[in-house]
C-alpha atoms as a PDB file:
ATOM      1  CA  MET A   1      -8.909 -14.004 -25.730  1.00  0.00           C
ATOM      2  CA  THR A   2     -11.733 -12.819 -23.312  1.00  0.00           C
ATOM      3  CA  PRO A   3     -11.880  -9.062 -23.539  1.00  0.00           C
ATOM      4  CA  MET A   4     -10.729  -6.930 -20.457  1.00  0.00           C
ATOM      5  CA  LYS A   5     -12.755  -4.428 -18.698  1.00  0.00           C
ATOM      6  CA  ILE A   6     -11.318  -2.105 -15.902  1.00  0.00           C
ATOM      7  CA  PHE A   7     -13.737  -0.357 -13.337  1.00  0.00           C
ATOM      8  CA  SER A   8     -12.843   1.969 -10.475  1.00  0.00           C
ATOM      9  CA  GLY A   9     -14.617   2.712  -7.086  1.00  0.00           C
ATOM     10  CA  THR A  10     -14.611   6.163  -5.682  1.00  0.00           C
ATOM     11  CA  ALA A  11     -11.764   5.531  -3.008  1.00  0.00           C
ATOM     12  CA  ASN A  12      -8.868   6.449  -5.497  1.00  0.00           C
ATOM     13  CA  ARG A  13     -10.076   7.127  -9.056  1.00  0.00           C
ATOM     14  CA  PRO A  14      -6.808   9.144 -10.039  1.00  0.00           C
ATOM     15  CA  LEU A  15      -4.815   5.880  -9.422  1.00  0.00           C
ATOM     16  CA  SER A  16      -7.191   3.880 -11.477  1.00  0.00           C
ATOM     17  CA  GLU A  17      -6.810   6.380 -14.377  1.00  0.00           C
ATOM     18  CA  LYS A  18      -2.970   6.112 -14.197  1.00  0.00           C
ATOM     19  CA  ILE A  19      -3.360   2.344 -14.499  1.00  0.00           C
ATOM     20  CA  CYS A  20      -5.540   2.561 -17.385  1.00  0.00           C
ATOM     21  CA  GLU A  21      -3.123   4.940 -19.004  1.00  0.00           C
ATOM     22  CA  TYR A  22      -0.227   2.573 -18.374  1.00  0.00           C
ATOM     23  CA  LEU A  23      -2.351  -0.249 -20.022  1.00  0.00           C
ATOM     24  CA  GLY A  24      -3.749   1.931 -22.785  1.00  0.00           C
ATOM     25  CA  GLU A  25      -7.214   0.684 -21.870  1.00  0.00           C
ATOM     26  CA  PRO A  26     -10.264   2.961 -21.231  1.00  0.00           C
ATOM     27  CA  LEU A  27     -11.765   3.098 -17.651  1.00  0.00           C
ATOM     28  CA  GLY A  28     -15.082   1.155 -17.691  1.00  0.00           C
ATOM     29  CA  ASN A  29     -18.232   3.161 -17.322  1.00  0.00           C
ATOM     30  CA  MET A  30     -19.841   2.460 -13.953  1.00  0.00           C
ATOM     31  CA  THR A  31     -22.177   4.571 -11.793  1.00  0.00           C
ATOM     32  CA  VAL A  32     -21.200   4.386  -8.113  1.00  0.00           C
ATOM     33  CA  GLU A  33     -23.176   6.557  -5.676  1.00  0.00           C
ATOM     34  CA  LYS A  34     -24.968   6.580  -2.317  1.00  0.00           C
ATOM     35  CA  PHE A  35     -28.645   6.618  -1.649  1.00  0.00           C
ATOM     36  CA  PRO A  36     -29.740   9.378   0.811  1.00  0.00           C
ATOM     37  CA  ASP A  37     -29.469   7.069   3.768  1.00  0.00           C
ATOM     38  CA  GLY A  38     -25.770   6.213   3.108  1.00  0.00           C
ATOM     39  CA  GLU A  39     -26.381   2.870   1.301  1.00  0.00           C
ATOM     40  CA  SER A  40     -24.004   2.146  -1.492  1.00  0.00           C
ATOM     41  CA  PHE A  41     -25.209   1.432  -5.043  1.00  0.00           C
ATOM     42  CA  CYS A  42     -23.624   0.775  -8.417  1.00  0.00           C
ATOM     43  CA  ARG A  43     -24.842   0.174 -11.931  1.00  0.00           C
ATOM     44  CA  ILE A  44     -22.713  -1.016 -14.761  1.00  0.00           C
ATOM     45  CA  GLU A  45     -23.319   1.121 -17.843  1.00  0.00           C
ATOM     46  CA  GLU A  46     -21.777  -1.237 -20.410  1.00  0.00           C
ATOM     47  CA  ASP A  47     -21.794  -5.015 -21.174  1.00  0.00           C
ATOM     48  CA  VAL A  48     -19.490  -7.240 -19.039  1.00  0.00           C
ATOM     49  CA  ARG A  49     -21.017 -10.737 -19.972  1.00  0.00           C
ATOM     50  CA  GLY A  50     -18.211 -12.982 -20.430  1.00  0.00           C
ATOM     51  CA  LYS A  51     -15.481 -10.333 -19.699  1.00  0.00           C
ATOM     52  CA  ASP A  52     -12.332 -10.513 -17.597  1.00  0.00           C
ATOM     53  CA  VAL A  53     -13.184  -7.746 -15.045  1.00  0.00           C
ATOM     54  CA  PHE A  54     -10.674  -5.843 -12.898  1.00  0.00           C
ATOM     55  CA  ILE A  55     -12.170  -3.663 -10.130  1.00  0.00           C
ATOM     56  CA  ILE A  56      -9.694  -1.108  -8.524  1.00  0.00           C
ATOM     57  CA  GLN A  57     -10.624  -0.131  -5.131  1.00  0.00           C
ATOM     58  CA  PRO A  58      -8.499   0.458  -1.867  1.00  0.00           C
ATOM     59  CA  THR A  59     -10.305   0.032   1.319  1.00  0.00           C
ATOM     60  CA  CYS A  60      -8.992   3.281   2.712  1.00  0.00           C
ATOM     61  CA  ARG A  61     -10.750   5.941   4.722  1.00  0.00           C
ATOM     62  CA  PRO A  62     -13.755   5.744   5.191  1.00  0.00           C
ATOM     63  CA  VAL A  63     -12.862   2.217   5.584  1.00  0.00           C
ATOM     64  CA  ASN A  64     -16.258   0.783   6.097  1.00  0.00           C
ATOM     65  CA  ASP A  65     -17.884   2.760   3.215  1.00  0.00           C
ATOM     66  CA  THR A  66     -15.040   1.932   0.637  1.00  0.00           C
ATOM     67  CA  LEU A  67     -15.213  -1.818   1.685  1.00  0.00           C
ATOM     68  CA  MET A  68     -18.896  -2.155   1.273  1.00  0.00           C
ATOM     69  CA  GLU A  69     -18.671  -0.204  -2.048  1.00  0.00           C
ATOM     70  CA  LEU A  70     -16.150  -2.694  -3.329  1.00  0.00           C
ATOM     71  CA  LEU A  71     -18.267  -5.633  -2.161  1.00  0.00           C
ATOM     72  CA  VAL A  72     -21.357  -4.118  -4.049  1.00  0.00           C
ATOM     73  CA  MET A  73     -19.295  -3.529  -7.227  1.00  0.00           C
ATOM     74  CA  ILE A  74     -18.144  -7.195  -7.212  1.00  0.00           C
ATOM     75  CA  ASP A  75     -21.638  -8.594  -6.660  1.00  0.00           C
ATOM     76  CA  CYS A  76     -22.893  -6.338  -9.559  1.00  0.00           C
ATOM     77  CA  CYS A  77     -20.310  -7.709 -11.901  1.00  0.00           C
ATOM     78  CA  ARG A  78     -21.106 -11.219 -10.900  1.00  0.00           C
ATOM     79  CA  ARG A  79     -24.822 -10.869 -11.491  1.00  0.00           C
ATOM     80  CA  ALA A  80     -23.988  -9.258 -14.880  1.00  0.00           C
ATOM     81  CA  SER A  81     -22.348 -12.531 -15.839  1.00  0.00           C
ATOM     82  CA  ALA A  82     -18.707 -11.351 -15.957  1.00  0.00           C
ATOM     83  CA  ASP A  83     -16.347 -14.291 -16.760  1.00  0.00           C
ATOM     84  CA  ARG A  84     -13.797 -13.532 -13.964  1.00  0.00           C
ATOM     85  CA  ILE A  85     -13.716 -10.855 -11.256  1.00  0.00           C
ATOM     86  CA  THR A  86     -10.407  -9.649  -9.955  1.00  0.00           C
ATOM     87  CA  ALA A  87     -10.355  -7.197  -6.940  1.00  0.00           C
ATOM     88  CA  VAL A  88      -7.461  -4.993  -7.089  1.00  0.00           C
ATOM     89  CA  ILE A  89      -7.055  -3.786  -3.524  1.00  0.00           C
ATOM     90  CA  PRO A  90      -3.880  -1.265  -3.359  1.00  0.00           C
ATOM     91  CA  TYR A  91      -4.504  -0.866   0.278  1.00  0.00           C
ATOM     92  CA  PHE A  92      -6.189  -3.546   2.273  1.00  0.00           C
ATOM     93  CA  GLY A  93      -8.004  -2.043   5.321  1.00  0.00           C
ATOM     94  CA  TYR A  94      -8.504  -4.060   8.453  1.00  0.00           C
ATOM     95  CA  ALA A  95      -5.159  -5.723   7.801  1.00  0.00           C
ATOM     96  CA  ARG A  96      -3.828  -4.983  11.295  1.00  0.00           C
ATOM     97  CA  GLN A  97      -6.587  -7.107  12.778  1.00  0.00           C
ATOM     98  CA  ASP A  98      -5.035 -10.294  11.634  1.00  0.00           C
ATOM     99  CA  ARG A  99      -4.854 -12.366  14.857  1.00  0.00           C
ATOM    100  CA  LYS A 100      -6.354 -12.857  18.269  1.00  0.00           C
ATOM    101  CA  ASP A 101      -3.765 -11.059  20.461  1.00  0.00           C
ATOM    102  CA  GLU A 102      -6.026 -11.022  23.459  1.00  0.00           C
ATOM    103  CA  GLY A 103      -9.242 -12.777  24.416  1.00  0.00           C
ATOM    104  CA  ARG A 104     -12.657 -12.057  22.921  1.00  0.00           C
ATOM    105  CA  VAL A 105     -11.420  -9.868  19.930  1.00  0.00           C
ATOM    106  CA  PRO A 106     -12.163 -10.455  16.184  1.00  0.00           C
ATOM    107  CA  ILE A 107      -9.834 -11.428  13.349  1.00  0.00           C
ATOM    108  CA  SER A 108     -11.294  -8.700  10.985  1.00  0.00           C
ATOM    109  CA  ALA A 109      -8.895  -9.444   8.200  1.00  0.00           C
ATOM    110  CA  LYS A 110     -10.250 -12.919   7.803  1.00  0.00           C
ATOM    111  CA  LEU A 111     -13.811 -11.589   7.926  1.00  0.00           C
ATOM    112  CA  CYS A 112     -12.818  -9.175   5.049  1.00  0.00           C
ATOM    113  CA  ALA A 113     -11.349 -12.078   2.966  1.00  0.00           C
ATOM    114  CA  ASN A 114     -14.582 -14.017   3.574  1.00  0.00           C
ATOM    115  CA  LEU A 115     -16.731 -11.147   2.447  1.00  0.00           C
ATOM    116  CA  LEU A 116     -14.709 -10.759  -0.751  1.00  0.00           C
ATOM    117  CA  GLU A 117     -14.957 -14.371  -1.677  1.00  0.00           C
ATOM    118  CA  CYS A 118     -18.865 -14.423  -0.781  1.00  0.00           C
ATOM    119  CA  ALA A 119     -19.441 -11.274  -2.927  1.00  0.00           C
ATOM    120  CA  GLY A 120     -18.063 -13.135  -5.942  1.00  0.00           C
ATOM    121  CA  ALA A 121     -14.242 -12.187  -6.392  1.00  0.00           C
ATOM    122  CA  ASN A 122     -12.437 -14.800  -8.197  1.00  0.00           C
ATOM    123  CA  ARG A 123      -8.924 -13.266  -7.633  1.00  0.00           C
ATOM    124  CA  VAL A 124      -7.530 -10.620  -5.436  1.00  0.00           C
ATOM    125  CA  VAL A 125      -4.489  -8.341  -6.022  1.00  0.00           C
ATOM    126  CA  ALA A 126      -3.016  -6.564  -2.943  1.00  0.00           C
ATOM    127  CA  LEU A 127      -0.002  -4.347  -2.275  1.00  0.00           C
ATOM    128  CA  ASP A 128       2.246  -4.649   0.680  1.00  0.00           C
ATOM    129  CA  LEU A 129      -0.161  -6.141   3.142  1.00  0.00           C
ATOM    130  CA  HIS A 130       0.567  -5.379   6.766  1.00  0.00           C
ATOM    131  CA  SER A 131       0.972  -9.052   7.427  1.00  0.00           C
ATOM    132  CA  ALA A 132       2.015 -11.650   4.598  1.00  0.00           C
ATOM    133  CA  GLN A 133       0.011 -14.312   6.362  1.00  0.00           C
ATOM    134  CA  ILE A 134      -3.141 -12.648   5.379  1.00  0.00           C
ATOM    135  CA  GLN A 135      -2.607 -14.287   2.047  1.00  0.00           C
ATOM    136  CA  GLY A 136      -3.668 -17.577   3.830  1.00  0.00           C
ATOM    137  CA  PHE A 137      -7.027 -15.970   4.805  1.00  0.00           C
ATOM    138  CA  PHE A 138      -8.089 -16.418   1.170  1.00  0.00           C
ATOM    139  CA  ASP A 139      -9.234 -19.654  -0.483  1.00  0.00           C
ATOM    140  CA  ILE A 140      -8.880 -17.756  -3.906  1.00  0.00           C
ATOM    141  CA  PRO A 141      -5.683 -16.747  -5.683  1.00  0.00           C
ATOM    142  CA  LEU A 142      -4.096 -13.599  -4.150  1.00  0.00           C
ATOM    143  CA  ASP A 143      -1.174 -11.824  -5.807  1.00  0.00           C
ATOM    144  CA  HIS A 144       0.911  -9.986  -3.121  1.00  0.00           C
ATOM    145  CA  LEU A 145       2.767  -7.116  -4.617  1.00  0.00           C
ATOM    146  CA  SER A 146       5.196  -4.623  -3.299  1.00  0.00           C
ATOM    147  CA  ALA A 147       5.828  -0.920  -4.044  1.00  0.00           C
ATOM    148  CA  SER A 148       9.524  -1.402  -3.106  1.00  0.00           C
ATOM    149  CA  PRO A 149      10.859  -1.274  -6.746  1.00  0.00           C
ATOM    150  CA  VAL A 150       9.384   2.207  -7.256  1.00  0.00           C
ATOM    151  CA  ILE A 151      10.467   3.495  -3.862  1.00  0.00           C
ATOM    152  CA  ASP A 152      14.089   2.041  -4.281  1.00  0.00           C
ATOM    153  CA  GLU A 153      14.348   3.551  -7.802  1.00  0.00           C
ATOM    154  CA  TYR A 154      13.561   6.972  -6.336  1.00  0.00           C
ATOM    155  CA  ILE A 155      16.137   6.669  -3.521  1.00  0.00           C
ATOM    156  CA  ASN A 156      18.791   5.565  -6.048  1.00  0.00           C
ATOM    157  CA  THR A 157      18.279   9.043  -7.871  1.00  0.00           C
ATOM    158  CA  LEU A 158      19.215  10.889  -4.760  1.00  0.00           C
ATOM    159  CA  GLY A 159      22.777  10.117  -5.443  1.00  0.00           C
ATOM    160  CA  TYR A 160      23.851   8.854  -2.105  1.00  0.00           C
ATOM    161  CA  SER A 161      26.772   6.249  -2.251  1.00  0.00           C
ATOM    162  CA  PRO A 162      26.255   3.015  -0.327  1.00  0.00           C
ATOM    163  CA  GLU A 163      29.014   3.926   2.203  1.00  0.00           C
ATOM    164  CA  GLU A 164      27.010   6.940   3.442  1.00  0.00           C
ATOM    165  CA  VAL A 165      23.623   5.035   3.778  1.00  0.00           C
ATOM    166  CA  VAL A 166      22.034   3.155   6.634  1.00  0.00           C
ATOM    167  CA  VAL A 167      18.782   1.505   6.179  1.00  0.00           C
ATOM    168  CA  VAL A 168      16.781   1.465   9.503  1.00  0.00           C
ATOM    169  CA  SER A 169      13.996  -1.011  10.362  1.00  0.00           C
ATOM    170  CA  PRO A 170      11.711   0.802  12.795  1.00  0.00           C
ATOM    171  CA  ASP A 171      10.830  -2.357  14.698  1.00  0.00           C
ATOM    172  CA  ALA A 172      11.769  -6.191  14.597  1.00  0.00           C
ATOM    173  CA  GLY A 173       8.739  -7.080  12.416  1.00  0.00           C
ATOM    174  CA  SER A 174      10.222  -4.903   9.509  1.00  0.00           C
ATOM    175  CA  ILE A 175      13.697  -6.476   9.516  1.00  0.00           C
ATOM    176  CA  LYS A 176      12.844  -8.696   6.311  1.00  0.00           C
ATOM    177  CA  ARG A 177      11.512  -5.453   4.482  1.00  0.00           C
ATOM    178  CA  ALA A 178      14.639  -3.646   5.445  1.00  0.00           C
ATOM    179  CA  THR A 179      16.928  -6.282   4.424  1.00  0.00           C
ATOM    180  CA  LYS A 180      15.379  -6.322   0.906  1.00  0.00           C
ATOM    181  CA  HIS A 181      15.918  -2.472   0.746  1.00  0.00           C
ATOM    182  CA  VAL A 182      19.608  -2.843   1.567  1.00  0.00           C
ATOM    183  CA  SER A 183      20.000  -5.211  -1.352  1.00  0.00           C
ATOM    184  CA  ALA A 184      18.514  -2.667  -3.540  1.00  0.00           C
ATOM    185  CA  VAL A 185      19.990   0.743  -2.312  1.00  0.00           C
ATOM    186  CA  GLY A 186      23.035  -0.537  -0.503  1.00  0.00           C
ATOM    187  CA  GLY A 187      24.307   0.521   2.865  1.00  0.00           C
ATOM    188  CA  SER A 188      24.364  -0.947   6.268  1.00  0.00           C
ATOM    189  CA  LEU A 189      21.439  -2.340   8.370  1.00  0.00           C
ATOM    190  CA  ALA A 190      20.218  -1.087  11.747  1.00  0.00           C
ATOM    191  CA  ILE A 191      17.321  -2.261  13.937  1.00  0.00           C
ATOM    192  CA  ILE A 192      15.357  -0.209  16.449  1.00  0.00           C
ATOM    193  CA  ASP A 193      14.110  -2.096  19.586  1.00  0.00           C
ATOM    194  CA  LYS A 194      10.376  -0.968  19.666  1.00  0.00           C
ATOM    195  CA  ARG A 195       8.249  -1.540  22.678  1.00  0.00           C
ATOM    196  CA  ARG A 196       4.474  -0.930  22.211  1.00  0.00           C
ATOM    197  CA  HIS A 197       2.595   0.088  25.348  1.00  0.00           C
ATOM    198  CA  SER A 198      -0.883   0.508  23.671  1.00  0.00           C
ATOM    199  CA  GLY A 199      -2.369   1.149  20.326  1.00  0.00           C
ATOM    200  CA  SER A 200      -1.074   4.594  20.062  1.00  0.00           C
ATOM    201  CA  GLU A 201       1.952   4.590  22.354  1.00  0.00           C
ATOM    202  CA  VAL A 202       5.280   3.209  21.608  1.00  0.00           C
ATOM    203  CA  GLU A 203       8.789   3.459  23.080  1.00  0.00           C
ATOM    204  CA  GLN A 204      11.980   3.189  20.914  1.00  0.00           C
ATOM    205  CA  ALA A 205      14.552   1.835  23.306  1.00  0.00           C
ATOM    206  CA  HIS A 206      17.949   1.326  21.437  1.00  0.00           C
ATOM    207  CA  ILE A 207      19.381   0.461  18.059  1.00  0.00           C
ATOM    208  CA  ILE A 208      21.014  -2.663  17.028  1.00  0.00           C
ATOM    209  CA  GLY A 209      23.551  -2.527  14.078  1.00  0.00           C
ATOM    210  CA  GLY A 210      24.573   0.566  12.269  1.00  0.00           C
ATOM    211  CA  PRO A 211      26.640   2.584  12.376  1.00  0.00           C
ATOM    212  CA  ILE A 212      24.226   5.680  12.516  1.00  0.00           C
ATOM    213  CA  GLU A 213      26.640   8.598  13.138  1.00  0.00           C
ATOM    214  CA  GLY A 214      27.241  10.749  10.008  1.00  0.00           C
ATOM    215  CA  ARG A 215      24.998   8.517   7.744  1.00  0.00           C
ATOM    216  CA  VAL A 216      21.900   9.281   5.670  1.00  0.00           C
ATOM    217  CA  ALA A 217      19.313   7.079   7.385  1.00  0.00           C
ATOM    218  CA  PHE A 218      16.338   5.710   5.460  1.00  0.00           C
ATOM    219  CA  LEU A 219      13.422   4.162   7.546  1.00  0.00           C
ATOM    220  CA  PHE A 220      11.041   1.818   5.743  1.00  0.00           C
ATOM    221  CA  ASP A 221       7.610   0.740   6.824  1.00  0.00           C
ATOM    222  CA  ASP A 222       4.512  -0.806   5.196  1.00  0.00           C
ATOM    223  CA  MET A 223       2.336   2.242   6.446  1.00  0.00           C
ATOM    224  CA  ILE A 224       2.232   5.413   8.342  1.00  0.00           C
ATOM    225  CA  SER A 225      -0.928   5.705  10.499  1.00  0.00           C
ATOM    226  CA  THR A 226      -0.680   8.086  13.422  1.00  0.00           C
ATOM    227  CA  GLY A 227       3.041   8.445  12.897  1.00  0.00           C
ATOM    228  CA  GLY A 228       3.950   7.696  16.465  1.00  0.00           C
ATOM    229  CA  SER A 229       6.279   4.655  15.639  1.00  0.00           C
ATOM    230  CA  ILE A 230       8.104   6.303  12.692  1.00  0.00           C
ATOM    231  CA  CYS A 231       8.594   9.600  14.207  1.00  0.00           C
ATOM    232  CA  GLY A 232       9.898   8.169  17.309  1.00  0.00           C
ATOM    233  CA  ALA A 233      12.286   6.043  15.369  1.00  0.00           C
ATOM    234  CA  ALA A 234      13.454   9.077  13.307  1.00  0.00           C
ATOM    235  CA  LYS A 235      14.100  10.979  16.522  1.00  0.00           C
ATOM    236  CA  VAL A 236      16.420   8.191  17.792  1.00  0.00           C
ATOM    237  CA  VAL A 237      18.495   7.923  14.607  1.00  0.00           C
ATOM    238  CA  LYS A 238      18.799  11.679  14.509  1.00  0.00           C
ATOM    239  CA  GLU A 239      19.983  11.664  18.292  1.00  0.00           C
ATOM    240  CA  MET A 240      22.414   9.019  17.348  1.00  0.00           C
ATOM    241  CA  GLY A 241      24.083  11.346  14.676  1.00  0.00           C
ATOM    242  CA  ALA A 242      22.427  10.776  11.474  1.00  0.00           C
ATOM    243  CA  LYS A 243      22.937  13.635   9.185  1.00  0.00           C
ATOM    244  CA  LYS A 244      19.905  13.266   7.216  1.00  0.00           C
ATOM    245  CA  VAL A 245      16.628  11.137   7.808  1.00  0.00           C
ATOM    246  CA  TYR A 246      14.294   9.870   5.114  1.00  0.00           C
ATOM    247  CA  VAL A 247      11.148   7.886   5.801  1.00  0.00           C
ATOM    248  CA  ALA A 248       9.465   5.807   3.174  1.00  0.00           C
ATOM    249  CA  ALA A 249       6.201   3.765   3.328  1.00  0.00           C
ATOM    250  CA  SER A 250       3.857   2.232   0.769  1.00  0.00           C
ATOM    251  CA  HIS A 251       0.551   3.492   2.534  1.00  0.00           C
ATOM    252  CA  GLY A 252       0.032   6.997   3.805  1.00  0.00           C
ATOM    253  CA  VAL A 253      -2.924   6.399   6.038  1.00  0.00           C
ATOM    254  CA  LEU A 254      -1.960   9.634   7.940  1.00  0.00           C
ATOM    255  CA  CYS A 255      -4.830   9.716  10.606  1.00  0.00           C
ATOM    256  CA  GLY A 256      -5.060  11.454  13.935  1.00  0.00           C
ATOM    257  CA  PRO A 257      -2.064  13.553  14.859  1.00  0.00           C
ATOM    258  CA  ALA A 258       0.213  12.081  12.035  1.00  0.00           C
ATOM    259  CA  ILE A 259       0.731  15.401  10.174  1.00  0.00           C
ATOM    260  CA  GLU A 260       1.583  17.263  13.175  1.00  0.00           C
ATOM    261  CA  ARG A 261       4.064  14.598  14.226  1.00  0.00           C
ATOM    262  CA  LEU A 262       5.629  14.268  10.816  1.00  0.00           C
ATOM    263  CA  GLU A 263       5.968  18.168  10.733  1.00  0.00           C
ATOM    264  CA  ALA A 264       7.645  18.196  14.143  1.00  0.00           C
ATOM    265  CA  ALA A 265       9.861  15.182  13.765  1.00  0.00           C
ATOM    266  CA  PRO A 266      13.574  15.464  12.455  1.00  0.00           C
ATOM    267  CA  ILE A 267      12.623  14.076   8.972  1.00  0.00           C
ATOM    268  CA  ASP A 268      13.975  15.558   5.785  1.00  0.00           C
ATOM    269  CA  GLU A 269      11.523  13.836   3.529  1.00  0.00           C
ATOM    270  CA  VAL A 270       8.442  11.471   3.769  1.00  0.00           C
ATOM    271  CA  VAL A 271       8.289   9.200   0.614  1.00  0.00           C
ATOM    272  CA  LEU A 272       4.829   7.693  -0.037  1.00  0.00           C
ATOM    273  CA  SER A 273       3.095   5.792  -2.826  1.00  0.00           C
ATOM    274  CA  ASP A 274      -0.367   6.792  -4.125  1.00  0.00           C
ATOM    275  CA  THR A 275      -2.304   3.771  -2.813  1.00  0.00           C
ATOM    276  CA  ILE A 276      -4.201   6.093  -0.603  1.00  0.00           C
ATOM    277  CA  PRO A 277      -5.328   9.655  -1.836  1.00  0.00           C
ATOM    278  CA  LEU A 278      -4.104  12.446   0.230  1.00  0.00           C
ATOM    279  CA  LEU A 279      -6.706  14.725   1.999  1.00  0.00           C
ATOM    280  CA  PRO A 280      -6.558  18.562   1.638  1.00  0.00           C
ATOM    281  CA  GLU A 281      -5.090  18.906   5.146  1.00  0.00           C
ATOM    282  CA  HIS A 282      -2.250  16.367   4.311  1.00  0.00           C
ATOM    283  CA  GLN A 283      -1.034  18.935   1.646  1.00  0.00           C
ATOM    284  CA  LYS A 284       0.080  21.191   4.213  1.00  0.00           C
ATOM    285  CA  LEU A 285       3.123  18.887   4.899  1.00  0.00           C
ATOM    286  CA  LYS A 286       5.628  20.122   2.279  1.00  0.00           C
ATOM    287  CA  LYS A 287       8.173  17.295   3.036  1.00  0.00           C
ATOM    288  CA  ILE A 288       5.838  14.576   1.479  1.00  0.00           C
ATOM    289  CA  LYS A 289       7.130  13.048  -1.852  1.00  0.00           C
ATOM    290  CA  ARG A 290       4.507  10.840  -3.626  1.00  0.00           C
ATOM    291  CA  LEU A 291       5.392   8.227  -5.983  1.00  0.00           C
ATOM    292  CA  SER A 292       2.982   6.331  -8.229  1.00  0.00           C
ATOM    293  CA  CYS A 293       2.724   2.501  -8.174  1.00  0.00           C
ATOM    294  CA  ALA A 294       0.368   2.516 -11.300  1.00  0.00           C
ATOM    295  CA  SER A 295       3.074   0.834 -13.291  1.00  0.00           C
ATOM    296  CA  ILE A 296       3.356  -2.206 -10.893  1.00  0.00           C
ATOM    297  CA  LEU A 297      -0.455  -2.489 -10.612  1.00  0.00           C
ATOM    298  CA  GLY A 298      -1.002  -2.089 -14.420  1.00  0.00           C
ATOM    299  CA  GLU A 299       1.814  -4.670 -15.371  1.00  0.00           C
ATOM    300  CA  THR A 300       0.146  -6.985 -12.849  1.00  0.00           C
ATOM    301  CA  ILE A 301      -3.353  -6.658 -14.320  1.00  0.00           C
ATOM    302  CA  LYS A 302      -1.786  -7.136 -17.832  1.00  0.00           C
ATOM    303  CA  ARG A 303      -0.077 -10.248 -16.688  1.00  0.00           C
ATOM    304  CA  ILE A 304      -3.122 -11.862 -15.010  1.00  0.00           C
ATOM    305  CA  HIS A 305      -5.210 -11.193 -18.128  1.00  0.00           C
ATOM    306  CA  ASN A 306      -2.681 -12.740 -20.376  1.00  0.00           C
ATOM    307  CA  HIS A 307      -2.069 -15.709 -18.002  1.00  0.00           C
ATOM    308  CA  GLU A 308       1.645 -14.783 -17.518  1.00  0.00           C
ATOM    309  CA  SER A 309       3.904 -14.976 -14.351  1.00  0.00           C
ATOM    310  CA  ILE A 310       3.555 -12.231 -11.710  1.00  0.00           C
ATOM    311  CA  SER A 311       6.705 -13.178  -9.854  1.00  0.00           C
ATOM    312  CA  GLN A 312       8.729 -13.104 -13.034  1.00  0.00           C
ATOM    313  CA  MET A 313       7.825  -9.484 -13.649  1.00  0.00           C
ATOM    314  CA  TYR A 314      10.036  -8.215 -10.764  1.00  0.00           C
ATOM    315  CA  LYS A 315      12.942 -10.112 -12.419  1.00  0.00           C
ATOM    316  CA  SER A 316      12.575  -8.861 -15.939  1.00  0.00           C
ATOM    317  CA  LEU A 317      11.174  -5.497 -15.668  1.00  0.00           C
ATOM    318  CA  ARG A 318      12.455  -2.148 -14.350  1.00  0.00           C
ATOM    319  CA  PHE A 319       9.448  -0.148 -12.963  1.00  0.00           C
ATOM    320  CA  THR A 320       9.463   3.563 -13.456  1.00  0.00           C
ATOM    321  CA  THR A 321       7.629   5.887 -11.290  1.00  0.00           C
ATOM    322  CA  GLY A 322       7.020   8.313 -14.091  1.00  0.00           C
ATOM    323  CA  GLN A 323       6.503  11.927 -12.867  1.00  0.00           C
ATOM    324  CA  TYR A 324       7.320  12.352  -9.233  1.00  0.00           C
ATOM    325  CA  PHE A 325       4.458  14.532  -7.750  1.00  0.00           C
END
């Protein structure tokens, strides 16, 4: 079988190291740095000719730098004659720019897909894309994963019975995600009617379903960016009588006033995966609980390398988060 090589960009090296630990594989030796003028540069320090290469790099902040770094690493491996190059992108930046919702605006998610293919990626692995239809932007195979098994496993360790749980969808677009969580953790389903006035201003009008009063509410979303939507939703369910409020998301973007909003919101715990590293200022928020998705990404890499089913792994395996940190 073609040997496997795993390389990491600079965006989230700790996650890459955990993935390699799960696989029992060493992290490849690649120099990634910037020239004095800010240009990205990389050099592979070992042979990759004919190898099955996996490059792990979330395109998180600073988005343009991490995206360009990923493209340069892919091009470097292609020119070094790697047999196959898989871009493992735990967080896919620009995913919210996935359609023309008004005149004279770009579809930047499609542009990013084109850039990855042009650079030489043969396959892409992504986790919890903001819009599932982004898969259709690629003309190469894309494996769309979810961090839900790790999050659901943690929630089940909290010890709440299904009768005291309500799973809340913060908007209509998250109903399908919330329904899957109901199947995993139990409880009833509630939906918040959200009206967006601008990119940073939203209004939570009322709740459909429930009941909420006296229940433990779990709010699920794919990401927390500025925190406006999720904090508004938490406030609504608390006002409706929820005795505890948990918020869970795959990606902790946490930009702008997110930390201040989460700190002030009636939220007991914020559960995030480690697709995006936390900045030092994020550490001030004591209610954050981070879970690792290394097992999901590592198992996917192993199955791609061994030409095994990806969808089957969710049916046959029980993922563990390992240490909660």
